[in-house]
Amino acid sequence: MEQVISVLWEDRAYDSKVKQLYRKAVSIMRATFREVDCQDICIYYRSYLAVNNKMFQCDYYQFMDGNKDKRKAFMDNYMPEYSWAEETNAMLGNMTD
């Protein structure tokens, strides 16, 4: 939980209010996934959340698996609005050379 909070709300203190914000976001996400019948896309544990990457296709995962088309299409813009993604963006850029 703390890792997700530090990424999503990096400017907020890790306290009971932000923990409640996280729990509410997870609750809304779970309800939304149930509504569209894809509740198995995430794996939920107490204070832990993981994606079930067998349930969907993702260009990032395909890129990491060595898909040449995905690597060619990469335009050095992995999640530019998030400061925490800068390191990953640099790594992906190095993988396309």
Protein backbone atom coordinates (compact mmCIF):
# COMPACT_ATOMS: atom_id res chain seq x y z
CA MET A 1 0.00 0.00 0.00
CA GLU A 2 2.73 2.45 0.93
CA GLN A 3 4.50 2.07 -2.42
CA VAL A 4 1.31 2.74 -4.41
CA ILE A 5 0.46 5.75 -2.25
CA SER A 6 3.96 7.20 -2.65
CA VAL A 7 3.59 6.96 -6.43
CA LEU A 8 0.00 8.13 -6.82
CA TRP A 9 0.03 10.82 -4.15
CA GLU A 10 3.72 11.64 -3.87
CA ASP A 11 3.00 15.06 -2.37
CA ARG A 12 0.88 13.64 0.48
CA ALA A 13 2.03 12.37 3.85
CA TYR A 14 1.61 8.65 4.45
CA ASP A 15 -1.12 8.90 7.08
CA SER A 16 -4.58 7.53 7.83
CA LYS A 17 -6.25 10.01 5.45
CA VAL A 18 -4.20 8.97 2.43
CA LYS A 19 -4.59 5.30 3.37
CA GLN A 20 -8.36 5.80 3.31
CA LEU A 21 -8.03 7.53 -0.08
CA TYR A 22 -6.15 4.46 -1.36
CA ARG A 23 -8.78 2.08 0.03
CA LYS A 24 -11.56 4.08 -1.60
CA ALA A 25 -9.74 4.10 -4.95
CA VAL A 26 -9.26 0.32 -4.76
CA SER A 27 -12.91 -0.17 -3.83
CA ILE A 28 -14.09 1.92 -6.81
CA MET A 29 -11.67 0.09 -9.10
CA ARG A 30 -12.93 -3.30 -7.92
CA ALA A 31 -16.56 -2.28 -8.38
CA THR A 32 -15.81 -0.99 -11.87
CA PHE A 33 -14.06 -4.23 -12.82
CA ARG A 34 -17.04 -6.23 -11.51
CA GLU A 35 -19.45 -4.11 -13.57
CA VAL A 36 -17.60 -4.97 -16.77
CA ASP A 37 -17.03 -8.61 -15.73
CA CYS A 38 -13.25 -8.47 -15.52
CA GLN A 39 -12.82 -8.72 -11.76
CA ASP A 40 -10.00 -11.25 -12.21
CA ILE A 41 -7.72 -8.62 -13.76
CA CYS A 42 -6.34 -7.73 -10.32
CA ILE A 43 -5.26 -9.88 -7.42
CA TYR A 44 -6.15 -8.39 -4.05
CA TYR A 45 -4.62 -9.15 -0.67
CA ARG A 46 -4.62 -7.22 2.57
CA SER A 47 -2.69 -4.01 1.80
CA TYR A 48 -1.44 -5.55 -1.44
CA LEU A 49 -2.60 -5.25 -5.03
CA ALA A 50 -1.21 -6.96 -8.11
CA VAL A 51 -2.18 -7.15 -11.75
CA ASN A 52 -2.99 -10.51 -13.33
CA ASN A 53 -1.04 -9.92 -16.54
CA LYS A 54 -2.48 -13.07 -18.12
CA MET A 55 -5.82 -11.26 -18.45
CA PHE A 56 -4.83 -8.56 -20.95
CA GLN A 57 -2.34 -7.47 -23.58
CA CYS A 58 0.02 -4.61 -22.83
CA ASP A 59 2.50 -2.87 -25.11
CA TYR A 60 4.92 -2.43 -22.19
CA TYR A 61 4.98 -6.17 -21.49
CA GLN A 62 5.33 -6.90 -25.22
CA PHE A 63 8.21 -4.39 -25.40
CA MET A 64 9.92 -6.06 -22.44
CA ASP A 65 9.43 -9.47 -24.08
CA GLY A 66 11.45 -8.21 -27.05
CA ASN A 67 8.69 -7.42 -29.55
CA LYS A 68 10.58 -5.62 -32.33
CA ASP A 69 7.52 -3.67 -33.56
CA LYS A 70 6.85 -2.29 -30.06
CA ARG A 71 10.51 -1.35 -29.62
CA LYS A 72 10.56 0.39 -33.01
CA ALA A 73 7.38 2.30 -32.18
CA PHE A 74 8.69 3.59 -28.83
CA MET A 75 8.95 7.38 -29.01
CA ASP A 76 10.77 8.04 -25.72
CA ASN A 77 7.57 9.07 -23.97
CA TYR A 78 6.78 6.50 -21.29
CA MET A 79 4.33 8.18 -18.89
CA PRO A 80 5.94 11.63 -19.15
CA GLU A 81 3.49 13.18 -16.68
CA TYR A 82 4.88 11.10 -13.79
CA SER A 83 8.25 11.91 -12.25
CA TRP A 84 8.59 8.35 -10.97
CA ALA A 85 8.55 7.05 -14.58
CA GLU A 86 11.66 8.97 -15.68
CA GLU A 87 14.03 6.14 -14.79
CA THR A 88 11.89 3.58 -16.63
CA ASN A 89 11.64 5.88 -19.64
CA ALA A 90 15.44 6.14 -19.79
CA MET A 91 15.78 2.35 -19.49
CA LEU A 92 13.27 1.81 -22.31
CA GLY A 93 15.07 4.34 -24.47
CA ASN A 94 18.34 2.48 -23.97
CA MET A 95 16.66 -0.77 -24.99
CA THR A 96 15.64 0.62 -28.38
CA ASP A 97 19.20 1.47 -29.48
